[in-house]
PDB file of all heavy atoms in Angstrom:
ATOM      1  N   HIS A   1      -6.890   1.121   8.419  1.00  0.00           N
ATOM      2  CA  HIS A   1      -8.119   0.426   8.819  1.00  0.00           C
ATOM      3  C   HIS A   1      -9.306   0.769   7.921  1.00  0.00           C
ATOM      4  O   HIS A   1     -10.252  -0.027   7.805  1.00  0.00           O
ATOM      5  CB  HIS A   1      -8.443   0.739  10.284  1.00  0.00           C
ATOM      6  CG  HIS A   1      -7.443   0.164  11.243  1.00  0.00           C
ATOM      7  ND1 HIS A   1      -7.227  -1.191  11.367  1.00  0.00           N
ATOM      8  CD2 HIS A   1      -6.575   0.763  12.108  1.00  0.00           C
ATOM      9  CE1 HIS A   1      -6.299  -1.404  12.267  1.00  0.00           C
ATOM     10  NE2 HIS A   1      -5.874  -0.234  12.740  1.00  0.00           N
ATOM     11  N   LYS A   2      -9.245   1.921   7.244  1.00  0.00           N
ATOM     12  CA  LYS A   2     -10.369   2.302   6.379  1.00  0.00           C
ATOM     13  C   LYS A   2     -10.102   2.025   4.899  1.00  0.00           C
ATOM     14  O   LYS A   2     -11.046   1.817   4.125  1.00  0.00           O
ATOM     15  CB  LYS A   2     -10.691   3.789   6.561  1.00  0.00           C
ATOM     16  CG  LYS A   2     -11.249   4.104   7.942  1.00  0.00           C
ATOM     17  CD  LYS A   2     -11.636   5.570   8.059  1.00  0.00           C
ATOM     18  CE  LYS A   2     -12.264   5.849   9.423  1.00  0.00           C
ATOM     19  NZ  LYS A   2     -12.635   7.281   9.592  1.00  0.00           N
ATOM     20  N   GLN A   3      -8.829   2.026   4.476  1.00  0.00           N
ATOM     21  CA  GLN A   3      -8.482   1.851   3.062  1.00  0.00           C
ATOM     22  C   GLN A   3      -7.219   0.992   2.927  1.00  0.00           C
ATOM     23  O   GLN A   3      -6.218   1.415   2.364  1.00  0.00           O
ATOM     24  CB  GLN A   3      -8.258   3.221   2.400  1.00  0.00           C
ATOM     25  CG  GLN A   3      -9.427   4.175   2.441  1.00  0.00           C
ATOM     26  CD  GLN A   3     -10.583   3.715   1.550  1.00  0.00           C
ATOM     27  OE1 GLN A   3     -10.399   2.929   0.621  1.00  0.00           O
ATOM     28  NE2 GLN A   3     -11.784   4.202   1.838  1.00  0.00           N
ATOM     29  N   THR A   4      -7.278  -0.226   3.440  1.00  0.00           N
ATOM     30  CA  THR A   4      -6.101  -1.097   3.379  1.00  0.00           C
ATOM     31  C   THR A   4      -5.612  -1.285   1.946  1.00  0.00           C
ATOM     32  O   THR A   4      -4.407  -1.379   1.686  1.00  0.00           O
ATOM     33  CB  THR A   4      -6.424  -2.474   4.000  1.00  0.00           C
ATOM     34  OG1 THR A   4      -6.895  -2.286   5.343  1.00  0.00           O
ATOM     35  CG2 THR A   4      -5.196  -3.368   4.016  1.00  0.00           C
ATOM     36  N   GLN A   5      -6.558  -1.317   0.987  1.00  0.00           N
ATOM     37  CA  GLN A   5      -6.179  -1.550  -0.410  1.00  0.00           C
ATOM     38  C   GLN A   5      -5.340  -0.417  -0.989  1.00  0.00           C
ATOM     39  O   GLN A   5      -4.734  -0.557  -2.059  1.00  0.00           O
ATOM     40  CB  GLN A   5      -7.430  -1.736  -1.284  1.00  0.00           C
ATOM     41  CG  GLN A   5      -8.208  -0.476  -1.614  1.00  0.00           C
ATOM     42  CD  GLN A   5      -9.083   0.017  -0.460  1.00  0.00           C
ATOM     43  OE1 GLN A   5      -9.159  -0.634   0.593  1.00  0.00           O
ATOM     44  NE2 GLN A   5      -9.761   1.130  -0.645  1.00  0.00           N
ATOM     45  N   ALA A   6      -5.254   0.712  -0.275  1.00  0.00           N
ATOM     46  CA  ALA A   6      -4.443   1.835  -0.761  1.00  0.00           C
ATOM     47  C   ALA A   6      -2.949   1.614  -0.514  1.00  0.00           C
ATOM     48  O   ALA A   6      -2.107   2.317  -1.086  1.00  0.00           O
ATOM     49  CB  ALA A   6      -4.876   3.131  -0.076  1.00  0.00           C
ATOM     50  N   PHE A   7      -2.595   0.632   0.329  1.00  0.00           N
ATOM     51  CA  PHE A   7      -1.201   0.387   0.681  1.00  0.00           C
ATOM     52  C   PHE A   7      -0.608  -0.714  -0.207  1.00  0.00           C
ATOM     53  O   PHE A   7      -1.273  -1.711  -0.510  1.00  0.00           O
ATOM     54  CB  PHE A   7      -1.082  -0.034   2.150  1.00  0.00           C
ATOM     55  CG  PHE A   7      -1.344   1.082   3.125  1.00  0.00           C
ATOM     56  CD1 PHE A   7      -2.642   1.464   3.443  1.00  0.00           C
ATOM     57  CD2 PHE A   7      -0.291   1.758   3.721  1.00  0.00           C
ATOM     58  CE1 PHE A   7      -2.894   2.490   4.336  1.00  0.00           C
ATOM     59  CE2 PHE A   7      -0.529   2.783   4.628  1.00  0.00           C
ATOM     60  CZ  PHE A   7      -1.831   3.155   4.930  1.00  0.00           C
ATOM     61  N   HIS A   8       0.648  -0.513  -0.589  1.00  0.00           N
ATOM     62  CA  HIS A   8       1.375  -1.490  -1.394  1.00  0.00           C
ATOM     63  C   HIS A   8       2.742  -1.697  -0.762  1.00  0.00           C
ATOM     64  O   HIS A   8       3.438  -0.730  -0.436  1.00  0.00           O
ATOM     65  CB  HIS A   8       1.529  -1.002  -2.834  1.00  0.00           C
ATOM     66  CG  HIS A   8       0.224  -0.832  -3.540  1.00  0.00           C
ATOM     67  ND1 HIS A   8      -0.248  -1.719  -4.478  1.00  0.00           N
ATOM     68  CD2 HIS A   8      -0.729   0.123  -3.429  1.00  0.00           C
ATOM     69  CE1 HIS A   8      -1.418  -1.316  -4.933  1.00  0.00           C
ATOM     70  NE2 HIS A   8      -1.737  -0.196  -4.297  1.00  0.00           N
ATOM     71  N   CYS A   9       3.122  -2.964  -0.591  1.00  0.00           N
ATOM     72  CA  CYS A   9       4.378  -3.305   0.078  1.00  0.00           C
ATOM     73  C   CYS A   9       5.493  -3.528  -0.936  1.00  0.00           C
ATOM     74  O   CYS A   9       5.276  -4.117  -1.999  1.00  0.00           O
ATOM     75  CB  CYS A   9       4.216  -4.584   0.892  1.00  0.00           C
ATOM     76  SG  CYS A   9       2.984  -4.459   2.199  1.00  0.00           S
ATOM     77  N   VAL A  10       6.682  -3.080  -0.576  1.00  0.00           N
ATOM     78  CA  VAL A  10       7.880  -3.381  -1.360  1.00  0.00           C
ATOM     79  C   VAL A  10       8.631  -4.490  -0.628  1.00  0.00           C
ATOM     80  O   VAL A  10       8.933  -4.361   0.559  1.00  0.00           O
ATOM     81  CB  VAL A  10       8.782  -2.140  -1.504  1.00  0.00           C
ATOM     82  CG1 VAL A  10       9.989  -2.468  -2.384  1.00  0.00           C
ATOM     83  CG2 VAL A  10       7.999  -0.971  -2.084  1.00  0.00           C
ATOM     84  N   LYS A  11       8.930  -5.586  -1.364  1.00  0.00           N
ATOM     85  CA  LYS A  11       9.601  -6.726  -0.753  1.00  0.00           C
ATOM     86  C   LYS A  11      10.943  -6.960  -1.434  1.00  0.00           C
ATOM     87  O   LYS A  11      11.086  -6.764  -2.640  1.00  0.00           O
ATOM     88  CB  LYS A  11       8.739  -7.983  -0.869  1.00  0.00           C
ATOM     89  CG  LYS A  11       7.429  -7.891  -0.100  1.00  0.00           C
ATOM     90  CD  LYS A  11       6.649  -9.199  -0.168  1.00  0.00           C
ATOM     91  CE  LYS A  11       5.366  -9.130   0.671  1.00  0.00           C
ATOM     92  NZ  LYS A  11       4.613 -10.394   0.625  1.00  0.00           N
ATOM     93  N   ASP A  12      11.929  -7.382  -0.636  1.00  0.00           N
ATOM     94  CA  ASP A  12      13.229  -7.709  -1.214  1.00  0.00           C
ATOM     95  C   ASP A  12      13.215  -9.139  -1.735  1.00  0.00           C
ATOM     96  O   ASP A  12      12.171  -9.809  -1.730  1.00  0.00           O
ATOM     97  CB  ASP A  12      14.357  -7.468  -0.210  1.00  0.00           C
ATOM     98  CG  ASP A  12      14.263  -8.374   1.019  1.00  0.00           C
ATOM     99  OD1 ASP A  12      13.516  -9.379   0.992  1.00  0.00           O
ATOM    100  OD2 ASP A  12      14.943  -8.071   2.027  1.00  0.00           O
ATOM    101  N   ALA A  13      14.376  -9.619  -2.193  1.00  0.00           N
ATOM    102  CA  ALA A  13      14.440 -10.936  -2.827  1.00  0.00           C
ATOM    103  C   ALA A  13      14.031 -12.068  -1.892  1.00  0.00           C
ATOM    104  O   ALA A  13      13.576 -13.122  -2.336  1.00  0.00           O
ATOM    105  CB  ALA A  13      15.853 -11.182  -3.357  1.00  0.00           C
ATOM    106  N   SER A  14      14.169 -11.844  -0.576  1.00  0.00           N
ATOM    107  CA  SER A  14      13.796 -12.881   0.387  1.00  0.00           C
ATOM    108  C   SER A  14      12.331 -12.808   0.794  1.00  0.00           C
ATOM    109  O   SER A  14      11.847 -13.656   1.537  1.00  0.00           O
ATOM    110  CB  SER A  14      14.669 -12.770   1.643  1.00  0.00           C
ATOM    111  OG  SER A  14      14.360 -11.569   2.354  1.00  0.00           O
ATOM    112  N   GLY A  15      11.623 -11.788   0.337  1.00  0.00           N
ATOM    113  CA  GLY A  15      10.216 -11.635   0.687  1.00  0.00           C
ATOM    114  C   GLY A  15       9.976 -10.735   1.881  1.00  0.00           C
ATOM    115  O   GLY A  15       8.822 -10.539   2.286  1.00  0.00           O
ATOM    116  N   ALA A  16      11.038 -10.148   2.446  1.00  0.00           N
ATOM    117  CA  ALA A  16      10.875  -9.256   3.594  1.00  0.00           C
ATOM    118  C   ALA A  16      10.385  -7.888   3.128  1.00  0.00           C
ATOM    119  O   ALA A  16      10.800  -7.380   2.082  1.00  0.00           O
ATOM    120  CB  ALA A  16      12.199  -9.105   4.331  1.00  0.00           C
ATOM    121  N   ILE A  17       9.492  -7.269   3.898  1.00  0.00           N
ATOM    122  CA  ILE A  17       8.965  -5.951   3.564  1.00  0.00           C
ATOM    123  C   ILE A  17      10.004  -4.893   3.916  1.00  0.00           C
ATOM    124  O   ILE A  17      10.443  -4.787   5.063  1.00  0.00           O
ATOM    125  CB  ILE A  17       7.643  -5.683   4.311  1.00  0.00           C
ATOM    126  CG1 ILE A  17       6.564  -6.645   3.810  1.00  0.00           C
ATOM    127  CG2 ILE A  17       7.189  -4.234   4.126  1.00  0.00           C
ATOM    128  CD1 ILE A  17       5.242  -6.551   4.555  1.00  0.00           C
ATOM    129  N   VAL A  18      10.402  -4.109   2.913  1.00  0.00           N
ATOM    130  CA  VAL A  18      11.449  -3.102   3.116  1.00  0.00           C
ATOM    131  C   VAL A  18      10.954  -1.694   2.788  1.00  0.00           C
ATOM    132  O   VAL A  18      11.725  -0.734   2.825  1.00  0.00           O
ATOM    133  CB  VAL A  18      12.691  -3.424   2.257  1.00  0.00           C
ATOM    134  CG1 VAL A  18      13.360  -4.694   2.742  1.00  0.00           C
ATOM    135  CG2 VAL A  18      12.320  -3.529   0.774  1.00  0.00           C
ATOM    136  N   GLY A  19       9.670  -1.560   2.478  1.00  0.00           N
ATOM    137  CA  GLY A  19       9.115  -0.252   2.169  1.00  0.00           C
ATOM    138  C   GLY A  19       7.658  -0.372   1.777  1.00  0.00           C
ATOM    139  O   GLY A  19       7.096  -1.478   1.713  1.00  0.00           O
ATOM    140  N   PHE A  20       7.027   0.778   1.538  1.00  0.00           N
ATOM    141  CA  PHE A  20       5.621   0.768   1.129  1.00  0.00           C
ATOM    142  C   PHE A  20       5.283   2.111   0.492  1.00  0.00           C
ATOM    143  O   PHE A  20       6.034   3.090   0.588  1.00  0.00           O
ATOM    144  CB  PHE A  20       4.691   0.525   2.325  1.00  0.00           C
ATOM    145  CG  PHE A  20       4.512   1.736   3.209  1.00  0.00           C
ATOM    146  CD1 PHE A  20       3.453   2.626   3.022  1.00  0.00           C
ATOM    147  CD2 PHE A  20       5.416   2.006   4.226  1.00  0.00           C
ATOM    148  CE1 PHE A  20       3.302   3.748   3.830  1.00  0.00           C
ATOM    149  CE2 PHE A  20       5.269   3.123   5.040  1.00  0.00           C
ATOM    150  CZ  PHE A  20       4.215   4.000   4.832  1.00  0.00           C
ATOM    151  N   TYR A  21       4.137   2.132  -0.205  1.00  0.00           N
ATOM    152  CA  TYR A  21       3.551   3.417  -0.593  1.00  0.00           C
ATOM    153  C   TYR A  21       2.053   3.336  -0.370  1.00  0.00           C
ATOM    154  O   TYR A  21       1.460   2.238  -0.331  1.00  0.00           O
ATOM    155  CB  TYR A  21       3.897   3.803  -2.035  1.00  0.00           C
ATOM    156  CG  TYR A  21       3.168   3.057  -3.124  1.00  0.00           C
ATOM    157  CD1 TYR A  21       1.915   3.469  -3.587  1.00  0.00           C
ATOM    158  CD2 TYR A  21       3.754   1.955  -3.755  1.00  0.00           C
ATOM    159  CE1 TYR A  21       1.262   2.809  -4.603  1.00  0.00           C
ATOM    160  CE2 TYR A  21       3.114   1.292  -4.782  1.00  0.00           C
ATOM    161  CZ  TYR A  21       1.860   1.720  -5.209  1.00  0.00           C
ATOM    162  OH  TYR A  21       1.210   1.058  -6.227  1.00  0.00           O
ATOM    163  N   CYS A  22       1.450   4.503  -0.190  1.00  0.00           N
ATOM    164  CA  CYS A  22       0.007   4.602   0.028  1.00  0.00           C
ATOM    165  C   CYS A  22      -0.551   5.545  -1.032  1.00  0.00           C
ATOM    166  O   CYS A  22      -0.150   6.705  -1.109  1.00  0.00           O
ATOM    167  CB  CYS A  22      -0.283   5.132   1.431  1.00  0.00           C
ATOM    168  SG  CYS A  22      -2.050   5.397   1.774  1.00  0.00           S
ATOM    169  N   LEU A  23      -1.450   5.042  -1.867  1.00  0.00           N
ATOM    170  CA  LEU A  23      -2.013   5.813  -2.972  1.00  0.00           C
ATOM    171  C   LEU A  23      -3.533   5.804  -2.868  1.00  0.00           C
ATOM    172  O   LEU A  23      -4.155   4.736  -2.774  1.00  0.00           O
ATOM    173  CB  LEU A  23      -1.562   5.232  -4.311  1.00  0.00           C
ATOM    174  CG  LEU A  23      -2.016   5.957  -5.575  1.00  0.00           C
ATOM    175  CD1 LEU A  23      -0.954   5.838  -6.670  1.00  0.00           C
ATOM    176  CD2 LEU A  23      -3.345   5.402  -6.114  1.00  0.00           C
ATOM    177  N   LEU A  24      -4.135   6.989  -2.884  1.00  0.00           N
ATOM    178  CA  LEU A  24      -5.580   7.143  -2.753  1.00  0.00           C
ATOM    179  C   LEU A  24      -6.155   7.698  -4.046  1.00  0.00           C
ATOM    180  O   LEU A  24      -5.632   8.675  -4.596  1.00  0.00           O
ATOM    181  CB  LEU A  24      -5.901   8.092  -1.600  1.00  0.00           C
ATOM    182  CG  LEU A  24      -5.275   7.733  -0.248  1.00  0.00           C
ATOM    183  CD1 LEU A  24      -5.291   8.944   0.682  1.00  0.00           C
ATOM    184  CD2 LEU A  24      -6.003   6.557   0.391  1.00  0.00           C
ATOM    185  N   LYS A  25      -7.205   7.070  -4.546  1.00  0.00           N
ATOM    186  CA  LYS A  25      -7.909   7.570  -5.727  1.00  0.00           C
ATOM    187  C   LYS A  25      -9.066   8.433  -5.244  1.00  0.00           C
ATOM    188  O   LYS A  25      -9.977   7.946  -4.575  1.00  0.00           O
ATOM    189  CB  LYS A  25      -8.402   6.402  -6.576  1.00  0.00           C
ATOM    190  CG  LYS A  25      -7.268   5.510  -7.080  1.00  0.00           C
ATOM    191  CD  LYS A  25      -7.794   4.288  -7.823  1.00  0.00           C
ATOM    192  CE  LYS A  25      -6.653   3.366  -8.239  1.00  0.00           C
ATOM    193  NZ  LYS A  25      -7.148   2.140  -8.906  1.00  0.00           N
ATOM    194  N   SER A  26      -9.016   9.699  -5.572  1.00  0.00           N
ATOM    195  CA  SER A  26      -9.913  10.677  -4.954  1.00  0.00           C
ATOM    196  C   SER A  26     -11.389  10.336  -5.138  1.00  0.00           C
ATOM    197  O   SER A  26     -12.200  10.593  -4.247  1.00  0.00           O
ATOM    198  CB  SER A  26      -9.636  12.075  -5.521  1.00  0.00           C
ATOM    199  OG  SER A  26      -9.911  12.117  -6.915  1.00  0.00           O
ATOM    200  N   LYS A  27     -11.747   9.738  -6.271  1.00  0.00           N
ATOM    201  CA  LYS A  27     -13.167   9.463  -6.520  1.00  0.00           C
ATOM    202  C   LYS A  27     -13.653   8.211  -5.803  1.00  0.00           C
ATOM    203  O   LYS A  27     -14.852   7.954  -5.757  1.00  0.00           O
ATOM    204  CB  LYS A  27     -13.414   9.331  -8.022  1.00  0.00           C
ATOM    205  CG  LYS A  27     -13.152  10.626  -8.806  1.00  0.00           C
ATOM    206  CD  LYS A  27     -13.546  10.517 -10.258  1.00  0.00           C
ATOM    207  CE  LYS A  27     -15.058  10.499 -10.416  1.00  0.00           C
ATOM    208  NZ  LYS A  27     -15.478  10.600 -11.838  1.00  0.00           N
ATOM    209  N   GLN A  28     -12.715   7.421  -5.264  1.00  0.00           N
ATOM    210  CA  GLN A  28     -13.097   6.183  -4.597  1.00  0.00           C
ATOM    211  C   GLN A  28     -13.049   6.295  -3.074  1.00  0.00           C
ATOM    212  O   GLN A  28     -13.338   5.324  -2.370  1.00  0.00           O
ATOM    213  CB  GLN A  28     -12.187   5.040  -5.068  1.00  0.00           C
ATOM    214  CG  GLN A  28     -12.287   4.766  -6.568  1.00  0.00           C
ATOM    215  CD  GLN A  28     -11.365   3.640  -7.017  1.00  0.00           C
ATOM    216  OE1 GLN A  28     -10.838   2.890  -6.202  1.00  0.00           O
ATOM    217  NE2 GLN A  28     -11.178   3.514  -8.321  1.00  0.00           N
ATOM    218  N   ILE A  29     -12.657   7.452  -2.569  1.00  0.00           N
ATOM    219  CA  ILE A  29     -12.531   7.644  -1.122  1.00  0.00           C
ATOM    220  C   ILE A  29     -13.618   8.611  -0.658  1.00  0.00           C
ATOM    221  O   ILE A  29     -13.775   9.697  -1.223  1.00  0.00           O
ATOM    222  CB  ILE A  29     -11.148   8.238  -0.755  1.00  0.00           C
ATOM    223  CG1 ILE A  29     -10.026   7.419  -1.392  1.00  0.00           C
ATOM    224  CG2 ILE A  29     -10.978   8.313   0.755  1.00  0.00           C
ATOM    225  CD1 ILE A  29      -9.910   6.014  -0.899  1.00  0.00           C
ATOM    226  N   PRO A  30     -14.392   8.255   0.359  1.00  0.00           N
ATOM    227  CA  PRO A  30     -15.394   9.189   0.884  1.00  0.00           C
ATOM    228  C   PRO A  30     -14.758  10.510   1.299  1.00  0.00           C
ATOM    229  O   PRO A  30     -13.669  10.535   1.889  1.00  0.00           O
ATOM    230  CB  PRO A  30     -15.975   8.441   2.093  1.00  0.00           C
ATOM    231  CG  PRO A  30     -15.725   6.995   1.796  1.00  0.00           C
ATOM    232  CD  PRO A  30     -14.420   6.958   1.066  1.00  0.00           C
TER     233      PRO A  30
END
């Protein structure tokens, strides 16, 4: 809810979400 842009979805060939990662850039996060 505070940093949605930090999440990235992994999709299979059909477009279904099968995983994700969350990456935070320290200088851009309060």
